Amino acid sequence: MGRYKLKTKKGVSKRFKLTKSGKIKYHCGGKSHLQSSKKSSRVRSMRRARTIDESKEISFIKRMLPYG
């Protein structure tokens, strides 16, 4: 039986990026429209990328991104 390539989950690859140290980086959702009802401090905080700290979620997402 030959070796085979692992498939990347494309939805996960569009939403998450792996940093060099192995952390998972993502951008907040909900910033594309309906911003008049959101506080400006909330919209400003959505600009920056965030990292996932929950270890269970990290292992789950890394399994769907086999090649980083």
PDB file of N, CA and C in Angstrom:
ATOM      1  N   MET A   1       0.841  -1.178   0.000  1.00  0.00           N
ATOM      2  CA  MET A   1       0.000   0.000   0.000  1.00  0.00           C
ATOM      3  C   MET A   1       0.882   1.237   0.000  1.00  0.00           C
ATOM      4  N   GLY A   2       0.655   2.133  -0.942  1.00  0.00           N
ATOM      5  CA  GLY A   2       1.497   3.315  -1.079  1.00  0.00           C
ATOM      6  C   GLY A   2       1.112   4.434  -0.129  1.00  0.00           C
ATOM      7  N   ARG A   3       1.978   5.414  -0.064  1.00  0.00           N
ATOM      8  CA  ARG A   3       1.691   6.592   0.764  1.00  0.00           C
ATOM      9  C   ARG A   3       0.697   7.478   0.037  1.00  0.00           C
ATOM     10  N   TYR A   4      -0.034   8.234   0.794  1.00  0.00           N
ATOM     11  CA  TYR A   4      -1.006   9.133   0.190  1.00  0.00           C
ATOM     12  C   TYR A   4      -0.935  10.492   0.877  1.00  0.00           C
ATOM     13  N   LYS A   5      -1.414  11.490   0.169  1.00  0.00           N
ATOM     14  CA  LYS A   5      -1.429  12.846   0.711  1.00  0.00           C
ATOM     15  C   LYS A   5      -2.643  13.030   1.610  1.00  0.00           C
ATOM     16  N   LEU A   6      -2.451  13.818   2.651  1.00  0.00           N
ATOM     17  CA  LEU A   6      -3.564  14.179   3.514  1.00  0.00           C
ATOM     18  C   LEU A   6      -4.237  15.415   2.940  1.00  0.00           C
ATOM     19  N   LYS A   7      -5.551  15.456   3.026  1.00  0.00           N
ATOM     20  CA  LYS A   7      -6.272  16.606   2.477  1.00  0.00           C
ATOM     21  C   LYS A   7      -6.477  17.658   3.561  1.00  0.00           C
ATOM     22  N   THR A   8      -6.299  18.905   3.160  1.00  0.00           N
ATOM     23  CA  THR A   8      -6.531  20.041   4.039  1.00  0.00           C
ATOM     24  C   THR A   8      -7.998  20.430   3.966  1.00  0.00           C
ATOM     25  N   LYS A   9      -8.601  20.738   5.121  1.00  0.00           N
ATOM     26  CA  LYS A   9      -9.963  21.269   5.140  1.00  0.00           C
ATOM     27  C   LYS A   9      -9.898  22.718   4.682  1.00  0.00           C
ATOM     28  N   LYS A  10     -10.471  23.012   3.526  1.00  0.00           N
ATOM     29  CA  LYS A  10     -10.294  24.321   2.901  1.00  0.00           C
ATOM     30  C   LYS A  10     -10.947  25.439   3.714  1.00  0.00           C
ATOM     31  N   GLY A  11     -12.069  25.156   4.366  1.00  0.00           N
ATOM     32  CA  GLY A  11     -12.715  26.175   5.188  1.00  0.00           C
ATOM     33  C   GLY A  11     -11.850  26.583   6.369  1.00  0.00           C
ATOM     34  N   VAL A  12     -11.128  25.622   6.924  1.00  0.00           N
ATOM     35  CA  VAL A  12     -10.238  25.901   8.050  1.00  0.00           C
ATOM     36  C   VAL A  12      -9.002  26.655   7.567  1.00  0.00           C
ATOM     37  N   SER A  13      -8.489  26.312   6.397  1.00  0.00           N
ATOM     38  CA  SER A  13      -7.284  26.978   5.893  1.00  0.00           C
ATOM     39  C   SER A  13      -7.551  28.434   5.546  1.00  0.00           C
ATOM     40  N   LYS A  14      -8.806  28.765   5.211  1.00  0.00           N
ATOM     41  CA  LYS A  14      -9.153  30.148   4.912  1.00  0.00           C
ATOM     42  C   LYS A  14      -9.294  30.979   6.186  1.00  0.00           C
ATOM     43  N   ARG A  15      -9.638  30.348   7.295  1.00  0.00           N
ATOM     44  CA  ARG A  15      -9.929  31.077   8.522  1.00  0.00           C
ATOM     45  C   ARG A  15      -8.783  31.128   9.515  1.00  0.00           C
ATOM     46  N   PHE A  16      -7.884  30.150   9.480  1.00  0.00           N
ATOM     47  CA  PHE A  16      -6.821  30.053  10.480  1.00  0.00           C
ATOM     48  C   PHE A  16      -5.452  29.962   9.814  1.00  0.00           C
ATOM     49  N   LYS A  17      -4.436  30.529  10.477  1.00  0.00           N
ATOM     50  CA  LYS A  17      -3.058  30.406  10.016  1.00  0.00           C
ATOM     51  C   LYS A  17      -2.207  29.930  11.191  1.00  0.00           C
ATOM     52  N   LEU A  18      -1.227  29.102  10.907  1.00  0.00           N
ATOM     53  CA  LEU A  18      -0.307  28.652  11.940  1.00  0.00           C
ATOM     54  C   LEU A  18       0.890  29.583  11.994  1.00  0.00           C
ATOM     55  N   THR A  19       1.275  29.995  13.208  1.00  0.00           N
ATOM     56  CA  THR A  19       2.477  30.817  13.365  1.00  0.00           C
ATOM     57  C   THR A  19       3.690  29.882  13.425  1.00  0.00           C
ATOM     58  N   LYS A  20       4.874  30.475  13.426  1.00  0.00           N
ATOM     59  CA  LYS A  20       6.088  29.672  13.441  1.00  0.00           C
ATOM     60  C   LYS A  20       6.236  28.894  14.742  1.00  0.00           C
ATOM     61  N   SER A  21       5.750  29.478  15.831  1.00  0.00           N
ATOM     62  CA  SER A  21       5.864  28.801  17.129  1.00  0.00           C
ATOM     63  C   SER A  21       4.766  27.761  17.339  1.00  0.00           C
ATOM     64  N   GLY A  22       3.817  27.641  16.382  1.00  0.00           N
ATOM     65  CA  GLY A  22       2.796  26.612  16.466  1.00  0.00           C
ATOM     66  C   GLY A  22       1.462  27.094  16.993  1.00  0.00           C
ATOM     67  N   LYS A  23       1.338  28.404  17.263  1.00  0.00           N
ATOM     68  CA  LYS A  23       0.058  28.943  17.710  1.00  0.00           C
ATOM     69  C   LYS A  23      -0.863  29.106  16.505  1.00  0.00           C
ATOM     70  N   ILE A  24      -2.150  29.220  16.765  1.00  0.00           N
ATOM     71  CA  ILE A  24      -3.130  29.381  15.694  1.00  0.00           C
ATOM     72  C   ILE A  24      -3.667  30.797  15.742  1.00  0.00           C
ATOM     73  N   LYS A  25      -3.553  31.492  14.609  1.00  0.00           N
ATOM     74  CA  LYS A  25      -3.947  32.889  14.498  1.00  0.00           C
ATOM     75  C   LYS A  25      -5.219  32.976  13.660  1.00  0.00           C
ATOM     76  N   TYR A  26      -6.123  33.887  14.071  1.00  0.00           N
ATOM     77  CA  TYR A  26      -7.357  34.073  13.304  1.00  0.00           C
ATOM     78  C   TYR A  26      -7.832  35.509  13.455  1.00  0.00           C
ATOM     79  N   HIS A  27      -8.698  35.930  12.558  1.00  0.00           N
ATOM     80  CA  HIS A  27      -9.307  37.252  12.637  1.00  0.00           C
ATOM     81  C   HIS A  27     -10.759  37.091  13.065  1.00  0.00           C
ATOM     82  N   CYS A  28     -11.259  38.078  13.793  1.00  0.00           N
ATOM     83  CA  CYS A  28     -12.633  38.034  14.301  1.00  0.00           C
ATOM     84  C   CYS A  28     -13.633  38.112  13.166  1.00  0.00           C
ATOM     85  N   GLY A  29     -14.736  37.463  13.331  1.00  0.00           N
ATOM     86  CA  GLY A  29     -15.832  37.582  12.391  1.00  0.00           C
ATOM     87  C   GLY A  29     -16.758  38.711  12.785  1.00  0.00           C
ATOM     88  N   GLY A  30     -17.689  39.032  11.913  1.00  0.00           N
ATOM     89  CA  GLY A  30     -18.700  40.027  12.217  1.00  0.00           C
ATOM     90  C   GLY A  30     -18.260  41.458  12.025  1.00  0.00           C
ATOM     91  N   LYS A  31     -17.248  41.687  11.187  1.00  0.00           N
ATOM     92  CA  LYS A  31     -16.748  43.039  10.998  1.00  0.00           C
ATOM     93  C   LYS A  31     -17.078  43.589   9.611  1.00  0.00           C
ATOM     94  N   SER A  32     -17.740  42.796   8.779  1.00  0.00           N
ATOM     95  CA  SER A  32     -17.936  43.214   7.392  1.00  0.00           C
ATOM     96  C   SER A  32     -19.146  44.105   7.178  1.00  0.00           C
ATOM     97  N   HIS A  33     -20.158  44.016   8.032  1.00  0.00           N
ATOM     98  CA  HIS A  33     -21.349  44.857   7.837  1.00  0.00           C
ATOM     99  C   HIS A  33     -22.065  45.033   9.166  1.00  0.00           C
ATOM    100  N   LEU A  34     -23.087  45.891   9.164  1.00  0.00           N
ATOM    101  CA  LEU A  34     -23.890  46.228  10.348  1.00  0.00           C
ATOM    102  C   LEU A  34     -23.039  46.796  11.476  1.00  0.00           C
ATOM    103  N   GLN A  35     -22.100  47.680  11.128  1.00  0.00           N
ATOM    104  CA  GLN A  35     -21.210  48.221  12.141  1.00  0.00           C
ATOM    105  C   GLN A  35     -21.812  49.399  12.893  1.00  0.00           C
ATOM    106  N   SER A  36     -22.912  49.955  12.399  1.00  0.00           N
ATOM    107  CA  SER A  36     -23.509  51.101  13.083  1.00  0.00           C
ATOM    108  C   SER A  36     -24.097  50.704  14.429  1.00  0.00           C
ATOM    109  N   SER A  37     -24.483  49.455  14.566  1.00  0.00           N
ATOM    110  CA  SER A  37     -25.047  49.008  15.834  1.00  0.00           C
ATOM    111  C   SER A  37     -23.973  48.530  16.812  1.00  0.00           C
ATOM    112  N   LYS A  38     -22.719  48.435  16.362  1.00  0.00           N
ATOM    113  CA  LYS A  38     -21.634  47.977  17.224  1.00  0.00           C
ATOM    114  C   LYS A  38     -20.851  49.168  17.743  1.00  0.00           C
ATOM    115  N   LYS A  39     -20.367  49.069  18.964  1.00  0.00           N
ATOM    116  CA  LYS A  39     -19.576  50.152  19.541  1.00  0.00           C
ATOM    117  C   LYS A  39     -18.244  50.242  18.811  1.00  0.00           C
ATOM    118  N   SER A  40     -17.727  51.475  18.719  1.00  0.00           N
ATOM    119  CA  SER A  40     -16.491  51.683  17.963  1.00  0.00           C
ATOM    120  C   SER A  40     -15.317  50.970  18.612  1.00  0.00           C
ATOM    121  N   SER A  41     -15.323  50.841  19.928  1.00  0.00           N
ATOM    122  CA  SER A  41     -14.241  50.118  20.602  1.00  0.00           C
ATOM    123  C   SER A  41     -14.281  48.633  20.246  1.00  0.00           C
ATOM    124  N   ARG A  42     -15.488  48.110  20.055  1.00  0.00           N
ATOM    125  CA  ARG A  42     -15.640  46.701  19.667  1.00  0.00           C
ATOM    126  C   ARG A  42     -15.138  46.474  18.248  1.00  0.00           C
ATOM    127  N   VAL A  43     -15.460  47.400  17.337  1.00  0.00           N
ATOM    128  CA  VAL A  43     -15.007  47.280  15.949  1.00  0.00           C
ATOM    129  C   VAL A  43     -13.489  47.414  15.869  1.00  0.00           C
ATOM    130  N   ARG A  44     -12.933  48.314  16.665  1.00  0.00           N
ATOM    131  CA  ARG A  44     -11.475  48.492  16.695  1.00  0.00           C
ATOM    132  C   ARG A  44     -10.774  47.238  17.195  1.00  0.00           C
ATOM    133  N   SER A  45     -11.358  46.582  18.194  1.00  0.00           N
ATOM    134  CA  SER A  45     -10.736  45.372  18.734  1.00  0.00           C
ATOM    135  C   SER A  45     -10.832  44.202  17.763  1.00  0.00           C
ATOM    136  N   MET A  46     -11.766  44.276  16.804  1.00  0.00           N
ATOM    137  CA  MET A  46     -11.888  43.214  15.803  1.00  0.00           C
ATOM    138  C   MET A  46     -10.827  43.314  14.716  1.00  0.00           C
ATOM    139  N   ARG A  47     -10.106  44.440  14.652  1.00  0.00           N
ATOM    140  CA  ARG A  47      -9.095  44.613  13.596  1.00  0.00           C
ATOM    141  C   ARG A  47      -7.910  43.678  13.763  1.00  0.00           C
ATOM    142  N   ARG A  48      -7.504  43.488  15.001  1.00  0.00           N
ATOM    143  CA  ARG A  48      -6.269  42.729  15.227  1.00  0.00           C
ATOM    144  C   ARG A  48      -6.525  41.225  15.208  1.00  0.00           C
ATOM    145  N   ALA A  49      -5.496  40.497  14.856  1.00  0.00           N
ATOM    146  CA  ALA A  49      -5.586  39.041  14.845  1.00  0.00           C
ATOM    147  C   ALA A  49      -5.478  38.528  16.275  1.00  0.00           C
ATOM    148  N   ARG A  50      -6.091  37.413  16.532  1.00  0.00           N
ATOM    149  CA  ARG A  50      -6.051  36.805  17.857  1.00  0.00           C
ATOM    150  C   ARG A  50      -5.526  35.390  17.749  1.00  0.00           C
ATOM    151  N   THR A  51      -5.130  34.833  18.877  1.00  0.00           N
ATOM    152  CA  THR A  51      -4.645  33.453  18.895  1.00  0.00           C
ATOM    153  C   THR A  51      -5.578  32.607  19.750  1.00  0.00           C
ATOM    154  N   ILE A  52      -5.627  31.336  19.436  1.00  0.00           N
ATOM    155  CA  ILE A  52      -6.452  30.392  20.190  1.00  0.00           C
ATOM    156  C   ILE A  52      -5.609  29.825  21.319  1.00  0.00           C
ATOM    157  N   ASP A  53      -6.169  29.830  22.519  1.00  0.00           N
ATOM    158  CA  ASP A  53      -5.439  29.356  23.686  1.00  0.00           C
ATOM    159  C   ASP A  53      -5.910  27.985  24.167  1.00  0.00           C
ATOM    160  N   GLU A  54      -7.114  27.615  23.825  1.00  0.00           N
ATOM    161  CA  GLU A  54      -7.684  26.349  24.282  1.00  0.00           C
ATOM    162  C   GLU A  54      -6.962  25.174  23.608  1.00  0.00           C
ATOM    163  N   SER A  55      -6.317  24.321  24.403  1.00  0.00           N
ATOM    164  CA  SER A  55      -5.476  23.261  23.843  1.00  0.00           C
ATOM    165  C   SER A  55      -6.289  22.228  23.073  1.00  0.00           C
ATOM    166  N   LYS A  56      -7.536  21.990  23.492  1.00  0.00           N
ATOM    167  CA  LYS A  56      -8.378  21.011  22.794  1.00  0.00           C
ATOM    168  C   LYS A  56      -8.705  21.498  21.387  1.00  0.00           C
ATOM    169  N   GLU A  57      -8.988  22.790  21.252  1.00  0.00           N
ATOM    170  CA  GLU A  57      -9.295  23.353  19.941  1.00  0.00           C
ATOM    171  C   GLU A  57      -8.049  23.381  19.056  1.00  0.00           C
ATOM    172  N   ILE A  58      -6.884  23.638  19.641  1.00  0.00           N
ATOM    173  CA  ILE A  58      -5.636  23.693  18.864  1.00  0.00           C
ATOM    174  C   ILE A  58      -5.367  22.347  18.209  1.00  0.00           C
ATOM    175  N   SER A  59      -5.506  21.272  18.956  1.00  0.00           N
ATOM    176  CA  SER A  59      -5.244  19.945  18.390  1.00  0.00           C
ATOM    177  C   SER A  59      -6.269  19.596  17.314  1.00  0.00           C
ATOM    178  N   PHE A  60      -7.506  20.059  17.485  1.00  0.00           N
ATOM    179  CA  PHE A  60      -8.567  19.789  16.515  1.00  0.00           C
ATOM    180  C   PHE A  60      -8.303  20.520  15.200  1.00  0.00           C
ATOM    181  N   ILE A  61      -7.878  21.777  15.287  1.00  0.00           N
ATOM    182  CA  ILE A  61      -7.620  22.578  14.079  1.00  0.00           C
ATOM    183  C   ILE A  61      -6.339  22.115  13.390  1.00  0.00           C
ATOM    184  N   LYS A  62      -5.321  21.763  14.165  1.00  0.00           N
ATOM    185  CA  LYS A  62      -4.064  21.301  13.563  1.00  0.00           C
ATOM    186  C   LYS A  62      -4.253  19.991  12.806  1.00  0.00           C
ATOM    187  N   ARG A  63      -5.219  19.185  13.229  1.00  0.00           N
ATOM    188  CA  ARG A  63      -5.510  17.939  12.522  1.00  0.00           C
ATOM    189  C   ARG A  63      -6.103  18.225  11.146  1.00  0.00           C
ATOM    190  N   MET A  64      -6.831  19.340  11.039  1.00  0.00           N
ATOM    191  CA  MET A  64      -7.437  19.701   9.757  1.00  0.00           C
ATOM    192  C   MET A  64      -6.486  20.477   8.859  1.00  0.00           C
ATOM    193  N   LEU A  65      -5.342  20.915   9.412  1.00  0.00           N
ATOM    194  CA  LEU A  65      -4.311  21.605   8.637  1.00  0.00           C
ATOM    195  C   LEU A  65      -3.026  20.772   8.669  1.00  0.00           C
ATOM    196  N   PRO A  66      -2.968  19.662   7.969  1.00  0.00           N
ATOM    197  CA  PRO A  66      -1.836  18.750   8.124  1.00  0.00           C
ATOM    198  C   PRO A  66      -0.487  19.321   7.664  1.00  0.00           C
ATOM    199  N   TYR A  67      -0.497  20.263   6.731  1.00  0.00           N
ATOM    200  CA  TYR A  67       0.763  20.797   6.213  1.00  0.00           C
ATOM    201  C   TYR A  67       0.996  22.236   6.643  1.00  0.00           C
ATOM    202  N   GLY A  68       0.284  22.695   7.653  1.00  0.00           N
ATOM    203  CA  GLY A  68       0.490  24.041   8.182  1.00  0.00           C
ATOM    204  C   GLY A  68      -0.043  25.025   7.246  1.00  0.00           C
TER     205      GLY A  68
END
